[in-house]
Amino acid sequence: MNKKRVLLRLSVFVICAVVVSVTLANVAVNSYTRFTCDHVDDIEPAYAAIVLGTAKKLRNGRENQYYKNRLVAASKLYMASKCKKIIVSGDNRTIGYNEPRDMKNDLVHSGVPEKDIICDFAGRRTLDSIIRYKEIFGQTAGIVISQKFHNNRAVYIGRHKGIRLNGYNAREVSASSDMKTRIRELVSKLFCVFDVKVFNTQPRYLGKKIAI
């Protein structure tokens, strides 16, 4: 057997292994969609909800529909008395880029009282936000707010970390308008399973507990 044929077979094996791994991980994570719902009347009330952050604006300067729809969902949840506190968790990598600050300001503008909004400035990724929800803010149950494909992953992490987490699904953004995000999510679910099941990955930052 020549070297080229060996390399070809090895490449095919690696590609097949990756495809199978991604598929199995997505099936496992997406099965947690049973803990999410699309309608506010169907969600189980909780003391606190957590909104997962994303950029307010796209690189082209246009409004990010993922961001807008999550905040609309958060405001609707609070106004329906489904939660008493809202944690806005995201990245604040620079002075000019601060997801929690933006989310808090826009929620206040929508009518949510400032005293009931708590910023988590160390939610640099989904796993960090969810684990910090328990370890920093002391919550062992609650509602996570994002789009369904993202909520599946957040609930998967939460329920494996001892948090009775349910997801309230914000309105989706059409797949055709952001195919890159959907493809990235397929791989993110694979990394999510490895983080939870294999590596027991912890947040980059923890710190002092914060009572809410």
N, C-alpha and C. Protein backbone atom coordinates (compact mmCIF):
# COMPACT_ATOMS: atom_id res chain seq x y z
N MET A 1 0.85 -1.20 0.00
CA MET A 1 0.00 0.00 0.00
C MET A 1 0.89 1.25 0.00
N ASN A 2 0.71 2.13 -0.99
CA ASN A 2 1.59 3.28 -1.06
C ASN A 2 1.20 4.36 -0.05
N LYS A 3 2.09 5.29 0.11
CA LYS A 3 1.92 6.33 1.13
C LYS A 3 0.69 7.19 0.88
N LYS A 4 0.42 7.53 -0.37
CA LYS A 4 -0.74 8.38 -0.69
C LYS A 4 -2.04 7.70 -0.30
N ARG A 5 -2.12 6.38 -0.54
CA ARG A 5 -3.34 5.66 -0.20
C ARG A 5 -3.55 5.60 1.31
N VAL A 6 -2.45 5.42 2.04
CA VAL A 6 -2.53 5.41 3.51
C VAL A 6 -3.03 6.76 4.02
N LEU A 7 -2.46 7.82 3.50
CA LEU A 7 -2.87 9.16 3.93
C LEU A 7 -4.33 9.44 3.58
N LEU A 8 -4.76 8.96 2.40
CA LEU A 8 -6.15 9.16 2.00
C LEU A 8 -7.09 8.44 2.96
N ARG A 9 -6.77 7.19 3.29
CA ARG A 9 -7.62 6.42 4.20
C ARG A 9 -7.63 7.04 5.59
N LEU A 10 -6.47 7.52 6.01
CA LEU A 10 -6.40 8.18 7.32
C LEU A 10 -7.24 9.44 7.34
N SER A 11 -7.17 10.20 6.26
CA SER A 11 -7.96 11.44 6.17
C SER A 11 -9.45 11.15 6.20
N VAL A 12 -9.86 10.12 5.48
CA VAL A 12 -11.27 9.73 5.45
C VAL A 12 -11.72 9.30 6.84
N PHE A 13 -10.86 8.54 7.53
CA PHE A 13 -11.20 8.08 8.88
C PHE A 13 -11.36 9.26 9.84
N VAL A 14 -10.45 10.22 9.77
CA VAL A 14 -10.50 11.40 10.65
C VAL A 14 -11.76 12.21 10.37
N ILE A 15 -12.06 12.42 9.10
CA ILE A 15 -13.25 13.19 8.73
C ILE A 15 -14.51 12.49 9.23
N CYS A 16 -14.58 11.18 9.05
CA CYS A 16 -15.75 10.42 9.51
C CYS A 16 -15.88 10.49 11.03
N ALA A 17 -14.74 10.39 11.74
CA ALA A 17 -14.76 10.45 13.20
C ALA A 17 -15.26 11.81 13.68
N VAL A 18 -14.83 12.87 13.02
CA VAL A 18 -15.27 14.22 13.40
C VAL A 18 -16.76 14.38 13.14
N VAL A 19 -17.22 13.93 11.98
CA VAL A 19 -18.64 14.06 11.63
C VAL A 19 -19.50 13.29 12.63
N VAL A 20 -19.09 12.08 12.96
CA VAL A 20 -19.85 11.26 13.92
C VAL A 20 -19.86 11.93 15.29
N SER A 21 -18.72 12.45 15.74
CA SER A 21 -18.62 13.10 17.04
C SER A 21 -19.51 14.34 17.11
N VAL A 22 -19.46 15.15 16.06
CA VAL A 22 -20.29 16.36 16.02
C VAL A 22 -21.77 15.99 16.03
N THR A 23 -22.13 14.97 15.27
CA THR A 23 -23.53 14.55 15.21
C THR A 23 -24.02 14.06 16.55
N LEU A 24 -23.26 13.19 17.20
CA LEU A 24 -23.67 12.64 18.50
C LEU A 24 -23.77 13.74 19.56
N ALA A 25 -22.82 14.67 19.54
CA ALA A 25 -22.84 15.77 20.51
C ALA A 25 -24.08 16.64 20.31
N ASN A 26 -24.41 16.92 19.05
CA ASN A 26 -25.57 17.74 18.77
C ASN A 26 -26.87 17.05 19.15
N VAL A 27 -26.94 15.76 18.93
CA VAL A 27 -28.13 15.01 19.34
C VAL A 27 -28.29 15.06 20.85
N ALA A 28 -27.18 14.87 21.58
CA ALA A 28 -27.23 14.88 23.04
C ALA A 28 -27.65 16.24 23.58
N VAL A 29 -27.03 17.30 23.09
CA VAL A 29 -27.32 18.64 23.59
C VAL A 29 -28.73 19.09 23.17
N ASN A 30 -29.09 18.82 21.94
CA ASN A 30 -30.40 19.26 21.45
C ASN A 30 -31.56 18.53 22.12
N SER A 31 -31.28 17.40 22.75
CA SER A 31 -32.34 16.69 23.47
C SER A 31 -32.83 17.51 24.67
N TYR A 32 -32.04 18.49 25.09
CA TYR A 32 -32.43 19.34 26.22
C TYR A 32 -33.40 20.44 25.82
N THR A 33 -33.79 20.43 24.56
CA THR A 33 -34.82 21.38 24.12
C THR A 33 -36.13 21.14 24.86
N ARG A 34 -36.30 19.94 25.44
CA ARG A 34 -37.52 19.65 26.21
C ARG A 34 -37.63 20.52 27.45
N PHE A 35 -36.53 21.15 27.86
CA PHE A 35 -36.55 22.05 29.01
C PHE A 35 -36.67 23.51 28.59
N THR A 36 -37.01 23.75 27.33
CA THR A 36 -37.17 25.12 26.85
C THR A 36 -38.58 25.31 26.31
N CYS A 37 -39.01 26.56 26.22
CA CYS A 37 -40.33 26.85 25.65
C CYS A 37 -40.30 28.19 24.93
N ASP A 38 -41.26 28.34 24.02
CA ASP A 38 -41.31 29.53 23.18
C ASP A 38 -42.28 30.59 23.70
N HIS A 39 -43.19 30.20 24.57
CA HIS A 39 -44.25 31.10 25.01
C HIS A 39 -44.11 31.41 26.51
N VAL A 40 -44.22 32.67 26.84
CA VAL A 40 -43.97 33.10 28.22
C VAL A 40 -44.96 32.47 29.20
N ASP A 41 -46.16 32.19 28.75
CA ASP A 41 -47.15 31.58 29.65
C ASP A 41 -46.77 30.16 30.05
N ASP A 42 -45.91 29.53 29.27
CA ASP A 42 -45.55 28.13 29.52
C ASP A 42 -44.35 27.96 30.44
N ILE A 43 -43.60 29.04 30.68
CA ILE A 43 -42.37 28.92 31.46
C ILE A 43 -42.67 28.87 32.94
N GLU A 44 -41.95 28.03 33.66
CA GLU A 44 -42.09 27.93 35.11
C GLU A 44 -41.44 29.15 35.77
N PRO A 45 -42.16 29.86 36.64
CA PRO A 45 -41.57 31.04 37.29
C PRO A 45 -40.33 30.69 38.10
N ALA A 46 -39.43 31.64 38.21
CA ALA A 46 -38.20 31.45 38.98
C ALA A 46 -37.81 32.79 39.60
N TYR A 47 -36.97 32.73 40.61
CA TYR A 47 -36.51 33.96 41.24
C TYR A 47 -35.66 34.79 40.28
N ALA A 48 -34.77 34.11 39.56
CA ALA A 48 -33.84 34.83 38.69
C ALA A 48 -33.82 34.25 37.28
N ALA A 49 -33.53 35.11 36.33
CA ALA A 49 -33.31 34.72 34.94
C ALA A 49 -31.94 35.25 34.52
N ILE A 50 -31.34 34.60 33.54
CA ILE A 50 -30.05 35.05 33.04
C ILE A 50 -30.12 35.21 31.53
N VAL A 51 -29.71 36.38 31.06
CA VAL A 51 -29.68 36.66 29.63
C VAL A 51 -28.24 36.47 29.15
N LEU A 52 -28.06 35.64 28.14
CA LEU A 52 -26.73 35.40 27.60
C LEU A 52 -26.37 36.48 26.59
N GLY A 53 -25.19 37.02 26.75
CA GLY A 53 -24.80 38.21 25.99
C GLY A 53 -24.37 37.94 24.56
N THR A 54 -24.47 38.98 23.78
CA THR A 54 -23.96 39.03 22.42
C THR A 54 -23.79 40.50 22.06
N ALA A 55 -23.11 40.78 20.98
CA ALA A 55 -22.86 42.17 20.61
C ALA A 55 -24.15 42.89 20.23
N LYS A 56 -24.25 44.14 20.61
CA LYS A 56 -25.43 44.94 20.28
C LYS A 56 -25.47 45.27 18.80
N LYS A 57 -24.29 45.50 18.23
CA LYS A 57 -24.20 45.86 16.82
C LYS A 57 -23.34 44.84 16.07
N LEU A 58 -23.67 44.62 14.82
CA LEU A 58 -22.85 43.78 13.96
C LEU A 58 -21.64 44.59 13.46
N ARG A 59 -20.70 43.91 12.86
CA ARG A 59 -19.50 44.60 12.39
C ARG A 59 -19.81 45.65 11.33
N ASN A 60 -20.90 45.45 10.62
CA ASN A 60 -21.27 46.43 9.60
C ASN A 60 -22.07 47.60 10.18
N GLY A 61 -22.24 47.59 11.51
CA GLY A 61 -22.92 48.68 12.18
C GLY A 61 -24.42 48.48 12.32
N ARG A 62 -24.95 47.45 11.73
CA ARG A 62 -26.38 47.19 11.82
C ARG A 62 -26.75 46.57 13.17
N GLU A 63 -28.01 46.69 13.51
CA GLU A 63 -28.51 46.13 14.76
C GLU A 63 -28.42 44.60 14.72
N ASN A 64 -27.93 44.01 15.81
CA ASN A 64 -27.85 42.55 15.93
C ASN A 64 -29.20 42.02 16.39
N GLN A 65 -29.87 41.27 15.53
CA GLN A 65 -31.21 40.77 15.85
C GLN A 65 -31.19 39.75 16.99
N TYR A 66 -30.09 39.03 17.14
CA TYR A 66 -29.97 38.11 18.28
C TYR A 66 -30.05 38.89 19.58
N TYR A 67 -29.32 39.99 19.64
CA TYR A 67 -29.31 40.85 20.83
C TYR A 67 -30.70 41.43 21.08
N LYS A 68 -31.27 42.03 20.06
CA LYS A 68 -32.57 42.67 20.20
C LYS A 68 -33.63 41.68 20.68
N ASN A 69 -33.67 40.51 20.07
CA ASN A 69 -34.70 39.53 20.41
C ASN A 69 -34.54 38.97 21.82
N ARG A 70 -33.30 38.83 22.28
CA ARG A 70 -33.08 38.35 23.65
C ARG A 70 -33.58 39.36 24.68
N LEU A 71 -33.35 40.63 24.41
CA LEU A 71 -33.79 41.65 25.37
C LEU A 71 -35.32 41.81 25.35
N VAL A 72 -35.91 41.67 24.20
CA VAL A 72 -37.37 41.69 24.12
C VAL A 72 -37.94 40.54 24.96
N ALA A 73 -37.33 39.36 24.83
CA ALA A 73 -37.78 38.20 25.60
C ALA A 73 -37.59 38.42 27.09
N ALA A 74 -36.44 38.98 27.48
CA ALA A 74 -36.16 39.22 28.90
C ALA A 74 -37.17 40.20 29.50
N SER A 75 -37.45 41.27 28.78
CA SER A 75 -38.42 42.25 29.25
C SER A 75 -39.81 41.64 29.39
N LYS A 76 -40.19 40.85 28.40
CA LYS A 76 -41.50 40.20 28.42
C LYS A 76 -41.60 39.23 29.61
N LEU A 77 -40.53 38.50 29.87
CA LEU A 77 -40.51 37.55 30.98
C LEU A 77 -40.69 38.27 32.31
N TYR A 78 -39.96 39.37 32.48
CA TYR A 78 -40.05 40.13 33.73
C TYR A 78 -41.44 40.74 33.89
N MET A 79 -41.96 41.34 32.83
CA MET A 79 -43.27 41.99 32.91
C MET A 79 -44.40 40.99 33.17
N ALA A 80 -44.16 39.73 32.82
CA ALA A 80 -45.15 38.68 33.07
C ALA A 80 -44.99 38.08 34.47
N SER A 81 -44.10 38.69 35.27
CA SER A 81 -43.84 38.24 36.66
C SER A 81 -43.33 36.80 36.71
N LYS A 82 -42.56 36.43 35.69
CA LYS A 82 -41.98 35.09 35.68
C LYS A 82 -40.61 35.05 36.37
N CYS A 83 -40.05 36.23 36.68
CA CYS A 83 -38.81 36.30 37.43
C CYS A 83 -38.77 37.62 38.18
N LYS A 84 -38.00 37.66 39.25
CA LYS A 84 -37.87 38.87 40.06
C LYS A 84 -36.57 39.62 39.77
N LYS A 85 -35.55 38.88 39.33
CA LYS A 85 -34.24 39.46 39.04
C LYS A 85 -33.77 38.97 37.67
N ILE A 86 -33.02 39.83 36.98
CA ILE A 86 -32.43 39.46 35.70
C ILE A 86 -30.92 39.69 35.77
N ILE A 87 -30.17 38.64 35.53
CA ILE A 87 -28.71 38.76 35.41
C ILE A 87 -28.37 38.88 33.94
N VAL A 88 -27.65 39.93 33.58
CA VAL A 88 -27.19 40.08 32.19
C VAL A 88 -25.72 39.71 32.17
N SER A 89 -25.40 38.65 31.45
CA SER A 89 -24.06 38.08 31.50
C SER A 89 -23.40 38.12 30.14
N GLY A 90 -22.21 38.72 30.10
CA GLY A 90 -21.52 38.81 28.82
C GLY A 90 -20.10 39.29 28.96
N ASP A 91 -19.55 39.69 27.87
CA ASP A 91 -18.14 40.08 27.77
C ASP A 91 -18.01 41.60 27.87
N ASN A 92 -16.94 42.05 28.50
CA ASN A 92 -16.63 43.49 28.49
C ASN A 92 -15.14 43.67 28.26
N ARG A 93 -14.70 43.13 27.14
CA ARG A 93 -13.26 43.03 26.86
C ARG A 93 -12.55 44.37 26.75
N THR A 94 -13.27 45.43 26.35
CA THR A 94 -12.66 46.75 26.25
C THR A 94 -13.61 47.79 26.83
N ILE A 95 -13.10 49.01 26.98
CA ILE A 95 -13.93 50.10 27.49
C ILE A 95 -15.12 50.35 26.57
N GLY A 96 -14.90 50.20 25.28
CA GLY A 96 -15.96 50.48 24.32
C GLY A 96 -16.84 49.29 23.99
N TYR A 97 -16.49 48.11 24.52
CA TYR A 97 -17.29 46.92 24.24
C TYR A 97 -17.71 46.30 25.56
N ASN A 98 -18.98 46.43 25.89
CA ASN A 98 -19.45 46.00 27.20
C ASN A 98 -20.88 45.47 27.07
N GLU A 99 -20.99 44.16 26.85
CA GLU A 99 -22.31 43.55 26.64
C GLU A 99 -23.25 43.72 27.83
N PRO A 100 -22.79 43.42 29.08
CA PRO A 100 -23.71 43.57 30.22
C PRO A 100 -24.22 45.00 30.39
N ARG A 101 -23.34 45.97 30.21
CA ARG A 101 -23.75 47.37 30.35
C ARG A 101 -24.80 47.72 29.32
N ASP A 102 -24.57 47.32 28.07
CA ASP A 102 -25.54 47.60 27.01
C ASP A 102 -26.89 46.95 27.31
N MET A 103 -26.85 45.69 27.74
CA MET A 103 -28.09 44.98 28.03
C MET A 103 -28.85 45.62 29.18
N LYS A 104 -28.12 46.00 30.22
CA LYS A 104 -28.77 46.64 31.37
C LYS A 104 -29.43 47.95 30.95
N ASN A 105 -28.69 48.78 30.23
CA ASN A 105 -29.24 50.07 29.81
C ASN A 105 -30.50 49.90 28.96
N ASP A 106 -30.49 48.93 28.07
CA ASP A 106 -31.64 48.74 27.19
C ASP A 106 -32.83 48.11 27.92
N LEU A 107 -32.55 47.27 28.90
CA LEU A 107 -33.64 46.71 29.71
C LEU A 107 -34.30 47.80 30.57
N VAL A 108 -33.48 48.67 31.13
CA VAL A 108 -34.03 49.80 31.90
C VAL A 108 -34.90 50.66 30.99
N HIS A 109 -34.41 50.90 29.79
CA HIS A 109 -35.16 51.71 28.83
C HIS A 109 -36.50 51.05 28.48
N SER A 110 -36.54 49.71 28.55
CA SER A 110 -37.78 49.00 28.21
C SER A 110 -38.76 48.93 29.38
N GLY A 111 -38.31 49.39 30.57
CA GLY A 111 -39.21 49.43 31.71
C GLY A 111 -38.87 48.51 32.85
N VAL A 112 -37.80 47.74 32.74
CA VAL A 112 -37.38 46.88 33.84
C VAL A 112 -36.65 47.74 34.87
N PRO A 113 -37.02 47.68 36.15
CA PRO A 113 -36.35 48.51 37.17
C PRO A 113 -34.86 48.19 37.27
N GLU A 114 -34.06 49.24 37.36
CA GLU A 114 -32.60 49.06 37.43
C GLU A 114 -32.20 48.20 38.62
N LYS A 115 -32.90 48.31 39.74
CA LYS A 115 -32.55 47.56 40.95
C LYS A 115 -32.70 46.05 40.76
N ASP A 116 -33.44 45.63 39.75
CA ASP A 116 -33.66 44.21 39.53
C ASP A 116 -32.79 43.63 38.42
N ILE A 117 -31.82 44.42 37.96
CA ILE A 117 -30.90 43.97 36.91
C ILE A 117 -29.49 43.89 37.48
N ILE A 118 -28.86 42.75 37.34
CA ILE A 118 -27.51 42.53 37.88
C ILE A 118 -26.57 42.22 36.72
N CYS A 119 -25.44 42.89 36.69
CA CYS A 119 -24.46 42.66 35.62
C CYS A 119 -23.44 41.60 36.02
N ASP A 120 -23.22 40.66 35.13
CA ASP A 120 -22.12 39.71 35.25
C ASP A 120 -21.13 40.03 34.13
N PHE A 121 -20.02 40.66 34.50
CA PHE A 121 -19.07 41.12 33.51
C PHE A 121 -18.05 40.06 33.09
N ALA A 122 -18.17 38.85 33.64
CA ALA A 122 -17.19 37.80 33.34
C ALA A 122 -17.80 36.64 32.58
N GLY A 123 -18.93 36.88 31.92
CA GLY A 123 -19.55 35.83 31.12
C GLY A 123 -18.99 35.78 29.72
N ARG A 124 -17.73 35.45 29.60
CA ARG A 124 -17.06 35.52 28.31
C ARG A 124 -17.52 34.43 27.35
N ARG A 125 -18.07 33.34 27.89
CA ARG A 125 -18.67 32.32 27.05
C ARG A 125 -19.80 31.66 27.82
N THR A 126 -20.58 30.85 27.15
CA THR A 126 -21.79 30.29 27.75
C THR A 126 -21.48 29.50 29.02
N LEU A 127 -20.46 28.67 28.97
CA LEU A 127 -20.12 27.87 30.15
C LEU A 127 -19.80 28.76 31.34
N ASP A 128 -19.05 29.83 31.12
CA ASP A 128 -18.70 30.75 32.21
C ASP A 128 -19.96 31.37 32.81
N SER A 129 -20.87 31.83 31.94
CA SER A 129 -22.09 32.48 32.42
C SER A 129 -22.93 31.55 33.27
N ILE A 130 -23.09 30.31 32.82
CA ILE A 130 -23.96 29.37 33.52
C ILE A 130 -23.36 28.92 34.85
N ILE A 131 -22.09 28.60 34.86
CA ILE A 131 -21.47 28.17 36.12
C ILE A 131 -21.41 29.31 37.11
N ARG A 132 -21.13 30.51 36.65
CA ARG A 132 -21.09 31.67 37.53
C ARG A 132 -22.48 31.98 38.10
N TYR A 133 -23.51 31.69 37.35
CA TYR A 133 -24.89 31.88 37.82
C TYR A 133 -25.09 31.14 39.14
N LYS A 134 -24.47 29.98 39.24
CA LYS A 134 -24.58 29.19 40.49
C LYS A 134 -23.50 29.58 41.49
N GLU A 135 -22.24 29.60 41.06
CA GLU A 135 -21.12 29.75 41.98
C GLU A 135 -20.96 31.17 42.51
N ILE A 136 -21.29 32.16 41.71
CA ILE A 136 -21.14 33.57 42.12
C ILE A 136 -22.45 34.14 42.64
N PHE A 137 -23.53 33.86 41.94
CA PHE A 137 -24.82 34.48 42.29
C PHE A 137 -25.72 33.56 43.12
N GLY A 138 -25.24 32.35 43.40
CA GLY A 138 -25.93 31.46 44.34
C GLY A 138 -27.24 30.88 43.86
N GLN A 139 -27.45 30.80 42.55
CA GLN A 139 -28.72 30.31 42.02
C GLN A 139 -28.62 28.85 41.59
N THR A 140 -29.52 28.02 42.09
CA THR A 140 -29.53 26.61 41.72
C THR A 140 -30.75 26.26 40.85
N ALA A 141 -31.49 27.27 40.45
CA ALA A 141 -32.62 27.10 39.54
C ALA A 141 -32.82 28.43 38.83
N GLY A 142 -33.53 28.40 37.72
CA GLY A 142 -33.79 29.66 37.04
C GLY A 142 -34.13 29.49 35.57
N ILE A 143 -34.09 30.61 34.88
CA ILE A 143 -34.47 30.65 33.46
C ILE A 143 -33.32 31.28 32.67
N VAL A 144 -32.94 30.64 31.59
CA VAL A 144 -31.92 31.21 30.71
C VAL A 144 -32.62 31.72 29.46
N ILE A 145 -32.18 32.89 29.00
CA ILE A 145 -32.82 33.54 27.85
C ILE A 145 -31.81 33.69 26.71
N SER A 146 -32.14 33.05 25.60
CA SER A 146 -31.39 33.18 24.36
C SER A 146 -32.22 32.53 23.27
N GLN A 147 -31.65 32.38 22.08
CA GLN A 147 -32.37 31.63 21.04
C GLN A 147 -32.34 30.14 21.37
N LYS A 148 -33.28 29.39 20.81
CA LYS A 148 -33.43 27.98 21.17
C LYS A 148 -32.14 27.18 20.98
N PHE A 149 -31.47 27.35 19.85
CA PHE A 149 -30.27 26.57 19.58
C PHE A 149 -29.19 26.83 20.64
N HIS A 150 -29.18 28.04 21.18
CA HIS A 150 -28.22 28.42 22.22
C HIS A 150 -28.71 27.96 23.59
N ASN A 151 -30.00 28.09 23.83
CA ASN A 151 -30.57 27.65 25.10
C ASN A 151 -30.36 26.16 25.34
N ASN A 152 -30.44 25.36 24.28
CA ASN A 152 -30.20 23.93 24.44
C ASN A 152 -28.85 23.67 25.09
N ARG A 153 -27.85 24.39 24.61
CA ARG A 153 -26.49 24.21 25.13
C ARG A 153 -26.39 24.73 26.56
N ALA A 154 -26.99 25.88 26.83
CA ALA A 154 -26.94 26.46 28.17
C ALA A 154 -27.63 25.56 29.19
N VAL A 155 -28.80 25.03 28.82
CA VAL A 155 -29.53 24.14 29.73
C VAL A 155 -28.77 22.85 29.95
N TYR A 156 -28.15 22.33 28.90
CA TYR A 156 -27.32 21.12 29.01
C TYR A 156 -26.23 21.34 30.06
N ILE A 157 -25.53 22.46 29.96
CA ILE A 157 -24.47 22.76 30.93
C ILE A 157 -25.06 22.91 32.33
N GLY A 158 -26.11 23.70 32.44
CA GLY A 158 -26.70 23.95 33.75
C GLY A 158 -27.17 22.70 34.45
N ARG A 159 -27.89 21.86 33.75
CA ARG A 159 -28.45 20.66 34.37
C ARG A 159 -27.37 19.66 34.74
N HIS A 160 -26.25 19.68 34.03
CA HIS A 160 -25.13 18.82 34.41
C HIS A 160 -24.32 19.41 35.58
N LYS A 161 -24.55 20.68 35.87
CA LYS A 161 -23.85 21.34 36.97
C LYS A 161 -24.76 21.55 38.18
N GLY A 162 -25.89 20.87 38.22
CA GLY A 162 -26.76 20.94 39.38
C GLY A 162 -27.66 22.15 39.43
N ILE A 163 -27.96 22.73 38.27
CA ILE A 163 -28.85 23.90 38.20
C ILE A 163 -30.13 23.47 37.48
N ARG A 164 -31.25 23.63 38.14
CA ARG A 164 -32.54 23.28 37.50
C ARG A 164 -32.92 24.43 36.58
N LEU A 165 -32.31 24.41 35.42
CA LEU A 165 -32.41 25.52 34.48
C LEU A 165 -33.43 25.19 33.38
N ASN A 166 -34.27 26.15 33.09
CA ASN A 166 -35.19 26.07 31.96
C ASN A 166 -34.89 27.21 31.00
N GLY A 167 -35.20 27.01 29.74
CA GLY A 167 -34.89 28.03 28.74
C GLY A 167 -36.13 28.71 28.21
N TYR A 168 -36.07 30.03 28.13
CA TYR A 168 -37.13 30.79 27.45
C TYR A 168 -36.54 31.25 26.13
N ASN A 169 -37.10 30.76 25.04
CA ASN A 169 -36.51 30.97 23.73
C ASN A 169 -36.89 32.32 23.14
N ALA A 170 -35.87 33.14 22.90
CA ALA A 170 -36.10 34.40 22.20
C ALA A 170 -36.40 34.10 20.73
N ARG A 171 -36.99 35.06 20.08
CA ARG A 171 -37.32 34.89 18.67
C ARG A 171 -36.06 34.58 17.87
N GLU A 172 -36.19 33.64 16.94
CA GLU A 172 -35.05 33.24 16.12
C GLU A 172 -34.72 34.30 15.07
N VAL A 173 -33.50 34.22 14.58
CA VAL A 173 -33.07 35.01 13.43
C VAL A 173 -33.02 34.04 12.25
N SER A 174 -33.50 34.44 11.11
CA SER A 174 -33.58 33.52 9.97
C SER A 174 -32.22 32.90 9.67
N ALA A 175 -32.23 31.59 9.46
CA ALA A 175 -30.98 30.85 9.23
C ALA A 175 -30.24 31.39 8.02
N SER A 176 -30.97 31.83 7.01
CA SER A 176 -30.34 32.31 5.78
C SER A 176 -29.55 33.59 6.01
N SER A 177 -29.93 34.34 7.06
CA SER A 177 -29.27 35.62 7.32
C SER A 177 -28.01 35.45 8.16
N ASP A 178 -27.84 34.31 8.79
CA ASP A 178 -26.65 34.12 9.61
C ASP A 178 -26.26 32.65 9.65
N MET A 179 -25.95 32.09 8.49
CA MET A 179 -25.57 30.69 8.39
C MET A 179 -24.27 30.41 9.15
N LYS A 180 -23.38 31.41 9.21
CA LYS A 180 -22.11 31.24 9.90
C LYS A 180 -22.33 30.90 11.37
N THR A 181 -23.29 31.57 12.01
CA THR A 181 -23.59 31.30 13.43
C THR A 181 -24.10 29.89 13.61
N ARG A 182 -24.95 29.42 12.70
CA ARG A 182 -25.53 28.08 12.81
C ARG A 182 -24.45 27.01 12.66
N ILE A 183 -23.54 27.20 11.73
CA ILE A 183 -22.46 26.23 11.53
C ILE A 183 -21.54 26.22 12.74
N ARG A 184 -21.22 27.40 13.26
CA ARG A 184 -20.37 27.49 14.44
C ARG A 184 -21.01 26.79 15.63
N GLU A 185 -22.34 26.87 15.73
CA GLU A 185 -23.04 26.25 16.84
C GLU A 185 -22.91 24.73 16.81
N LEU A 186 -22.84 24.14 15.63
CA LEU A 186 -22.65 22.69 15.53
C LEU A 186 -21.37 22.26 16.24
N VAL A 187 -20.30 23.01 16.01
CA VAL A 187 -19.00 22.70 16.62
C VAL A 187 -19.02 23.07 18.11
N SER A 188 -19.69 24.16 18.45
CA SER A 188 -19.77 24.59 19.85
C SER A 188 -20.39 23.52 20.73
N LYS A 189 -21.37 22.81 20.20
CA LYS A 189 -22.02 21.76 20.98
C LYS A 189 -21.05 20.59 21.22
N LEU A 190 -20.18 20.31 20.28
CA LEU A 190 -19.16 19.27 20.49
C LEU A 190 -18.22 19.70 21.61
N PHE A 191 -17.72 20.93 21.56
CA PHE A 191 -16.83 21.43 22.61
C PHE A 191 -17.55 21.46 23.95
N CYS A 192 -18.84 21.77 23.93
CA CYS A 192 -19.64 21.82 25.15
C CYS A 192 -19.65 20.46 25.84
N VAL A 193 -19.87 19.40 25.07
CA VAL A 193 -19.89 18.05 25.64
C VAL A 193 -18.53 17.69 26.23
N PHE A 194 -17.45 18.03 25.51
CA PHE A 194 -16.11 17.77 26.04
C PHE A 194 -15.86 18.55 27.32
N ASP A 195 -16.27 19.82 27.34
CA ASP A 195 -16.07 20.66 28.53
C ASP A 195 -16.77 20.06 29.75
N VAL A 196 -17.99 19.57 29.54
CA VAL A 196 -18.80 19.08 30.66
C VAL A 196 -18.45 17.66 31.04
N LYS A 197 -18.34 16.79 30.05
CA LYS A 197 -18.20 15.36 30.30
C LYS A 197 -16.76 14.88 30.46
N VAL A 198 -15.83 15.57 29.81
CA VAL A 198 -14.44 15.08 29.78
C VAL A 198 -13.51 15.93 30.65
N PHE A 199 -13.51 17.24 30.41
CA PHE A 199 -12.52 18.10 31.04
C PHE A 199 -12.99 18.79 32.31
N ASN A 200 -14.29 18.78 32.58
CA ASN A 200 -14.84 19.51 33.73
C ASN A 200 -14.31 20.94 33.74
N THR A 201 -14.42 21.60 32.62
CA THR A 201 -13.88 22.94 32.44
C THR A 201 -14.57 23.94 33.38
N GLN A 202 -13.77 24.81 33.96
CA GLN A 202 -14.27 25.83 34.88
C GLN A 202 -14.19 27.22 34.24
N PRO A 203 -14.97 28.17 34.74
CA PRO A 203 -14.91 29.53 34.19
C PRO A 203 -13.51 30.12 34.31
N ARG A 204 -13.20 31.01 33.41
CA ARG A 204 -11.90 31.68 33.46
C ARG A 204 -11.79 32.54 34.71
N TYR A 205 -12.91 33.15 35.11
CA TYR A 205 -12.92 33.99 36.30
C TYR A 205 -14.05 33.56 37.23
N LEU A 206 -13.75 33.47 38.51
CA LEU A 206 -14.79 33.27 39.52
C LEU A 206 -14.77 34.52 40.40
N GLY A 207 -14.47 34.36 41.69
CA GLY A 207 -14.40 35.55 42.54
C GLY A 207 -15.35 35.45 43.72
N LYS A 208 -15.62 36.58 44.35
CA LYS A 208 -16.48 36.62 45.53
C LYS A 208 -17.94 36.41 45.15
N LYS A 209 -18.66 35.78 46.06
CA LYS A 209 -20.09 35.56 45.84
C LYS A 209 -20.84 36.90 45.93
N ILE A 210 -21.89 37.00 45.14
CA ILE A 210 -22.71 38.21 45.08
C ILE A 210 -24.15 37.84 45.37
N ALA A 211 -24.69 38.40 46.44
CA ALA A 211 -26.08 38.11 46.79
C ALA A 211 -27.01 38.95 45.92
N ILE A 212 -28.06 38.33 45.43
CA ILE A 212 -29.02 39.08 44.60
C ILE A 212 -30.43 38.92 45.16
